[in-house]
């Protein structure tokens, strides 16, 4: 059998891209699943795994949510009559109640909307949006310290179990 490429494995597992930086920079308190309004060339590029969420954020204006700053690199074989804009704003498909809740949290409580991951669900691209508060520098250090301690503790327990 031929080896499968990494993009094919991700397509089978459902994951397109992760935004690991978001979990480092924000305390994520709530998560929402949103559909996206995409063009044909964007779907083809997503199937090839050509998405970067690192610089992306979610912006709400006029009771609509948009994914801004996410970069979808067009394929070389994209149609010649389509002018591909890799960083265009893409409309998120959320329920009215969810949008109203997000608007209230962002405007009144100082939260930020961050794209966490994009994945396939029933053949459609879905975006996981997190409602989060920004971490301060000391919070990031504390999280890293806790992670290191957990790693060291499991390593010590593993060594003790071997003896």
Protein backbone atom coordinates (compact mmCIF):
# COMPACT_ATOMS: atom_id res chain seq x y z
CA UNK A 1 0.00 0.00 0.00
CA UNK A 2 1.12 3.54 -0.67
CA UNK A 3 1.79 5.87 2.24
CA UNK A 4 -0.82 8.50 2.95
CA UNK A 5 0.19 12.15 3.06
CA UNK A 6 -0.33 14.25 6.20
CA UNK A 7 -3.09 16.26 4.51
CA UNK A 8 -5.00 13.07 3.67
CA UNK A 9 -4.69 11.81 7.26
CA UNK A 10 -5.99 15.14 8.63
CA UNK A 11 -8.90 15.10 6.19
CA UNK A 12 -9.84 11.62 7.39
CA UNK A 13 -9.62 12.61 11.07
CA UNK A 14 -11.67 15.74 10.42
CA UNK A 15 -9.14 18.31 11.59
CA UNK A 16 -8.08 21.07 9.18
CA UNK A 17 -6.10 23.43 11.41
CA UNK A 18 -5.54 24.29 15.08
CA UNK A 19 -4.80 27.66 16.67
CA UNK A 20 -2.48 26.63 19.50
CA UNK A 21 -1.47 30.21 20.14
CA UNK A 22 -5.02 31.05 21.24
CA UNK A 23 -4.89 28.64 24.17
CA UNK A 24 -1.55 30.13 25.19
CA UNK A 25 -2.73 33.75 25.04
CA UNK A 26 -6.32 33.43 26.33
CA UNK A 27 -8.37 31.79 29.06
CA UNK A 28 -11.06 30.13 26.93
CA UNK A 29 -14.34 30.12 28.86
CA UNK A 30 -16.95 29.16 26.24
CA UNK A 31 -16.80 27.44 22.86
CA UNK A 32 -19.13 27.75 19.90
CA UNK A 33 -19.35 25.83 16.64
CA UNK A 34 -19.95 27.99 13.58
CA UNK A 35 -20.40 27.20 9.93
CA UNK A 36 -18.64 29.29 7.31
CA UNK A 37 -19.68 30.89 4.06
CA UNK A 38 -16.88 29.83 1.69
CA UNK A 39 -16.14 29.99 -2.01
CA UNK A 40 -15.34 26.91 -4.09
CA UNK A 41 -11.59 27.51 -4.31
CA UNK A 42 -11.48 27.96 -0.52
CA UNK A 43 -13.08 24.58 0.09
CA UNK A 44 -10.58 22.91 -2.24
CA UNK A 45 -7.70 24.63 -0.43
CA UNK A 46 -9.09 23.57 2.95
CA UNK A 47 -9.24 19.94 1.76
CA UNK A 48 -5.54 20.28 0.95
CA UNK A 49 -4.90 21.66 4.46
CA UNK A 50 -3.88 25.18 3.40
CA UNK A 51 -5.21 27.20 6.34
CA UNK A 52 -3.49 29.38 8.93
CA UNK A 53 -5.59 30.52 11.90
CA UNK A 54 -2.76 32.11 13.91
CA UNK A 55 -3.45 35.71 12.90
CA UNK A 56 -7.22 35.30 12.68
CA UNK A 57 -9.88 36.72 14.95
CA UNK A 58 -13.66 36.97 14.98
CA UNK A 59 -15.33 40.34 14.57
CA UNK A 60 -19.03 41.06 15.14
CA UNK A 61 -20.63 43.94 13.24
CA UNK A 62 -24.27 44.69 12.44
CA UNK A 63 -25.41 41.48 14.16
CA UNK A 64 -23.21 39.30 11.94
CA UNK A 65 -19.98 37.50 12.83
CA UNK A 66 -16.97 37.40 10.50
CA UNK A 67 -13.68 35.52 10.53
CA UNK A 68 -11.00 38.12 9.79
CA UNK A 69 -7.31 37.58 9.14
CA UNK A 70 -7.33 33.81 8.60
CA UNK A 71 -5.17 32.92 5.63
CA UNK A 72 -6.33 30.31 3.11
CA UNK A 73 -3.60 29.80 0.52
CA UNK A 74 -5.12 29.18 -2.92
CA UNK A 75 -4.10 26.11 -4.87
CA UNK A 76 -2.02 26.53 -8.01
CA UNK A 77 -4.76 24.83 -9.95
CA UNK A 78 -7.43 27.33 -8.86
CA UNK A 79 -9.70 28.62 -11.57
CA UNK A 80 -8.24 31.29 -13.83
CA UNK A 81 -11.35 33.48 -13.85
CA UNK A 82 -11.48 33.77 -10.05
CA UNK A 83 -9.31 36.32 -8.29
CA UNK A 84 -8.37 34.64 -5.01
CA UNK A 85 -8.10 36.85 -1.92
CA UNK A 86 -6.43 34.67 0.75
CA UNK A 87 -7.27 36.92 3.73
CA UNK A 88 -10.79 38.06 2.91
CA UNK A 89 -13.42 38.24 5.67
CA UNK A 90 -15.59 35.14 5.82
CA UNK A 91 -19.07 35.20 7.28
CA UNK A 92 -19.73 32.85 10.21
CA UNK A 93 -23.06 31.11 10.41
CA UNK A 94 -24.32 31.31 13.99
CA UNK A 95 -27.77 31.41 15.54
CA UNK A 96 -29.18 34.81 16.47
CA UNK A 97 -29.21 33.92 20.19
CA UNK A 98 -25.52 32.96 20.06
CA UNK A 99 -24.55 36.16 18.26
CA UNK A 100 -26.48 38.27 20.78
CA UNK A 101 -24.73 36.50 23.66
CA UNK A 102 -21.31 37.01 22.04
CA UNK A 103 -21.97 40.70 21.37
CA UNK A 104 -22.93 41.22 25.00
CA UNK A 105 -19.83 39.44 26.28
CA UNK A 106 -17.45 41.26 23.96
CA UNK A 107 -18.86 44.76 24.43
CA UNK A 108 -19.75 44.73 28.12
CA UNK A 109 -17.40 42.24 29.74
CA UNK A 110 -14.24 42.74 27.66
CA UNK A 111 -13.96 39.27 26.18
CA UNK A 112 -12.34 38.41 22.86
CA UNK A 113 -13.56 36.05 20.15
CA UNK A 114 -10.77 33.76 18.96
CA UNK A 115 -10.83 31.01 16.30
CA UNK A 116 -9.61 27.82 17.98
CA UNK A 117 -9.79 25.18 15.27
CA UNK A 118 -11.34 24.32 11.95
CA UNK A 119 -12.56 20.84 11.10
CA UNK A 120 -14.87 18.84 8.83
CA UNK A 121 -18.26 17.73 10.13
CA UNK A 122 -20.61 15.86 7.79
CA UNK A 123 -18.68 17.17 4.79
CA UNK A 124 -18.94 20.81 5.87
CA UNK A 125 -16.21 23.06 7.26
CA UNK A 126 -16.86 24.14 10.85
CA UNK A 127 -14.99 26.68 12.95
CA UNK A 128 -14.68 26.38 16.71
CA UNK A 129 -14.83 29.88 18.19
CA UNK A 130 -13.70 30.54 21.75
CA UNK A 131 -14.87 33.31 24.03
CA UNK A 132 -11.81 34.19 26.06
CA UNK A 133 -10.10 36.68 28.32
CA UNK A 134 -6.52 37.65 27.62
CA UNK A 135 -3.79 36.21 29.83
CA UNK A 136 -1.25 38.44 31.48
CA UNK A 137 2.43 37.53 31.36
CA UNK A 138 2.41 36.09 34.87
CA UNK A 139 -0.58 33.90 33.98
CA UNK A 140 1.34 32.45 31.03
CA UNK A 141 4.32 31.71 33.26
CA UNK A 142 2.09 30.03 35.86
CA UNK A 143 0.46 27.85 33.19
CA UNK A 144 3.86 26.83 31.86
CA UNK A 145 5.10 26.11 35.39
CA UNK A 146 2.05 23.90 36.08
CA UNK A 147 2.56 22.03 32.82
CA UNK A 148 6.24 21.44 33.60
CA UNK A 149 5.40 20.25 37.10
CA UNK A 150 2.79 17.80 35.79
CA UNK A 151 5.31 16.44 33.29
CA UNK A 152 8.00 16.06 35.99
CA UNK A 153 5.54 14.42 38.37
CA UNK A 154 4.43 11.84 35.80
CA UNK A 155 8.06 11.15 34.92
CA UNK A 156 8.92 10.59 38.61
CA UNK A 157 5.90 8.31 39.14
CA UNK A 158 6.80 6.32 36.05
CA UNK A 159 10.37 5.81 37.29
CA UNK A 160 9.14 4.80 40.74
CA UNK A 161 6.77 2.23 39.19
CA UNK A 162 9.67 0.63 37.29
CA UNK A 163 11.64 -0.06 40.48
